[in-house]
Amino acid sequence: MNASIKNQIANRLLAVCKTLPGLRRVVRKREPFLLEDVKPALHVVTGAEKVLYEDERGYNCELAVLFQAIFDENRLPFDASDAFEAQLQSVIEADAQLGGLCSKISYRGGIPFIVEHENPVCVVTLMYRVEYRRLRGDATQNY
């Protein structure tokens, strides 16, 4: 069975993120999770699917996607997060339609912060919105 358009989009985003240098782990998650035993890591968090509108052929949908980078950087954490943020934005925004899978991908902002549970860990979360069309009666096809 073919993957849904939503899963095809998530898989494409994972593949694009795996091209970023220096990451030791890139995984898909269903919700934000701050702990990671292998660093630097990138969590691609796919949120709920929302229907924006429908027509006779299908649905125009929206998917919220968070990119959560987790890495050790004790000296200049916000410099490190700014540098990574720029790299990630470059690779994600270079293909604004994800090879024809979506109508557009839009940046919604970023939040860098420090987590101090044991050793300080720098986390940066970038938020994107992916708009795509899904064919009525076939979740594996766009139009």
Protein backbone atom coordinates (compact mmCIF):
# COMPACT_ATOMS: atom_id res chain seq x y z
CA MET A 1 0.00 0.00 0.00
CA ASN A 2 1.28 3.46 -0.89
CA ALA A 3 1.97 6.04 1.80
CA SER A 4 -0.45 8.94 2.30
CA ILE A 5 0.52 12.37 1.00
CA LYS A 6 1.05 13.43 4.62
CA ASN A 7 3.53 10.57 5.17
CA GLN A 8 5.21 11.24 1.83
CA ILE A 9 5.74 14.86 2.93
CA ALA A 10 7.16 13.75 6.31
CA ASN A 11 9.49 11.27 4.58
CA ARG A 12 10.67 13.93 2.13
CA LEU A 13 11.40 16.35 5.00
CA LEU A 14 13.38 13.64 6.82
CA ALA A 15 15.40 12.92 3.68
CA VAL A 16 16.17 16.62 3.19
CA CYS A 17 17.21 17.03 6.83
CA LYS A 18 19.54 14.04 6.64
CA THR A 19 21.66 16.04 4.17
CA LEU A 20 22.57 18.54 6.91
CA PRO A 21 26.20 18.10 8.00
CA GLY A 22 27.07 17.20 11.57
CA LEU A 23 23.81 15.59 12.68
CA ARG A 24 24.13 12.18 14.28
CA ARG A 25 20.39 11.41 14.40
CA VAL A 26 17.37 12.60 12.40
CA VAL A 27 14.04 11.06 13.44
CA ARG A 28 10.33 11.73 13.09
CA LYS A 29 8.34 12.31 16.27
CA ARG A 30 4.64 12.87 16.93
CA GLU A 31 5.20 15.43 19.70
CA PRO A 32 8.08 17.60 20.94
CA PHE A 33 10.49 15.72 23.16
CA LEU A 34 13.47 17.43 24.75
CA LEU A 35 15.61 14.48 25.73
CA GLU A 36 17.97 12.80 23.29
CA ASP A 37 20.84 10.47 24.09
CA VAL A 38 22.64 11.08 20.78
CA LYS A 39 23.56 14.67 19.96
CA PRO A 40 23.43 16.63 17.76
CA ALA A 41 20.00 15.37 16.79
CA LEU A 42 17.05 16.69 14.85
CA HIS A 43 13.46 15.73 15.59
CA VAL A 44 10.98 16.32 12.79
CA VAL A 45 7.67 16.67 14.62
CA THR A 46 4.53 16.40 12.51
CA GLY A 47 1.40 17.82 14.06
CA ALA A 48 -2.26 17.44 13.31
CA GLU A 49 -3.63 17.66 9.80
CA LYS A 50 -6.16 20.44 9.28
CA VAL A 51 -8.52 20.87 6.31
CA LEU A 52 -8.45 24.47 5.08
CA TYR A 53 -11.17 23.97 2.48
CA GLU A 54 -12.52 21.37 0.09
CA ASP A 55 -13.68 21.35 -3.49
CA GLU A 56 -15.17 18.73 -5.81
CA ARG A 57 -11.77 17.04 -6.34
CA GLY A 58 -10.51 16.88 -2.77
CA TYR A 59 -9.11 18.75 0.20
CA ASN A 60 -6.63 21.58 0.68
CA CYS A 61 -4.87 20.65 3.93
CA GLU A 62 -2.37 22.14 6.32
CA LEU A 63 0.22 20.30 8.38
CA ALA A 64 2.21 21.92 11.16
CA VAL A 65 5.83 20.73 11.26
CA LEU A 66 8.36 21.51 13.98
CA PHE A 67 12.06 20.97 13.50
CA GLN A 68 13.63 20.56 16.91
CA ALA A 69 17.43 20.51 17.01
CA ILE A 70 19.07 19.29 20.19
CA PHE A 71 22.79 19.67 20.74
CA ASP A 72 25.45 20.17 23.39
CA GLU A 73 26.89 23.65 23.32
CA ASN A 74 27.89 25.14 26.64
CA ARG A 75 30.04 28.08 25.56
CA LEU A 76 27.99 30.00 22.98
CA PRO A 77 24.66 28.20 22.74
CA PHE A 78 22.71 30.91 20.94
CA ASP A 79 25.46 31.41 18.35
CA ALA A 80 25.36 27.68 17.68
CA SER A 81 21.56 27.65 17.44
CA ASP A 82 21.57 30.65 15.07
CA ALA A 83 24.07 28.92 12.79
CA PHE A 84 22.08 25.68 12.74
CA GLU A 85 18.83 27.57 12.21
CA ALA A 86 20.26 29.21 9.08
CA GLN A 87 21.43 25.84 7.71
CA LEU A 88 18.06 24.22 8.28
CA GLN A 89 16.13 27.12 6.78
CA SER A 90 18.33 26.97 3.68
CA VAL A 91 17.70 23.28 2.96
CA ILE A 92 13.98 23.33 3.80
CA GLU A 93 13.19 26.51 1.89
CA ALA A 94 15.30 25.57 -1.15
CA ASP A 95 12.47 23.27 -2.30
CA ALA A 96 9.32 25.16 -1.31
CA GLN A 97 7.06 22.53 -2.90
CA LEU A 98 8.97 19.46 -1.69
CA GLY A 99 9.34 18.02 -5.16
CA GLY A 100 5.70 18.60 -6.05
CA LEU A 101 4.22 17.03 -2.89
CA CYS A 102 2.86 20.29 -1.50
CA SER A 103 1.61 23.69 -2.63
CA LYS A 104 4.00 25.55 -0.35
CA ILE A 105 5.97 25.39 2.85
CA SER A 106 5.97 28.54 4.99
CA TYR A 107 8.26 29.54 7.86
CA ARG A 108 6.39 30.49 11.05
CA GLY A 109 9.28 31.36 13.39
CA GLY A 110 11.90 29.90 15.67
CA ILE A 111 12.51 29.57 19.38
CA PRO A 112 15.98 28.89 20.81
CA PHE A 113 16.28 27.90 24.47
CA ILE A 114 18.50 26.12 26.98
CA VAL A 115 17.42 23.02 28.90
CA GLU A 116 19.30 22.55 32.16
CA HIS A 117 18.16 19.18 33.49
CA GLU A 118 21.66 17.69 33.99
CA ASN A 119 24.11 19.24 31.58
CA PRO A 120 23.03 22.29 29.63
CA VAL A 121 21.56 21.35 26.27
CA CYS A 122 20.76 23.85 23.56
CA VAL A 123 17.48 23.38 21.71
CA VAL A 124 16.17 25.34 18.76
CA THR A 125 12.66 24.79 17.44
CA LEU A 126 11.73 26.01 13.97
CA MET A 127 8.08 26.07 13.01
CA TYR A 128 6.77 25.56 9.48
CA ARG A 129 3.37 25.16 7.87
CA VAL A 130 2.97 22.83 4.91
CA GLU A 131 -0.03 23.30 2.62
CA TYR A 132 -0.98 20.48 0.26
CA ARG A 133 -3.89 19.02 -1.66
CA ARG A 134 -5.24 15.52 -1.16
CA LEU A 135 -7.44 13.80 -3.70
CA ARG A 136 -10.88 12.83 -2.42
CA GLY A 137 -11.09 9.07 -1.95
CA ASP A 138 -7.32 8.51 -2.31
CA ALA A 139 -5.10 9.81 0.49
CA THR A 140 -2.00 8.73 -1.45
CA GLN A 141 -2.53 11.22 -4.30
CA ASN A 142 -2.37 14.99 -4.53
CA TYR A 143 -3.85 17.12 -7.32
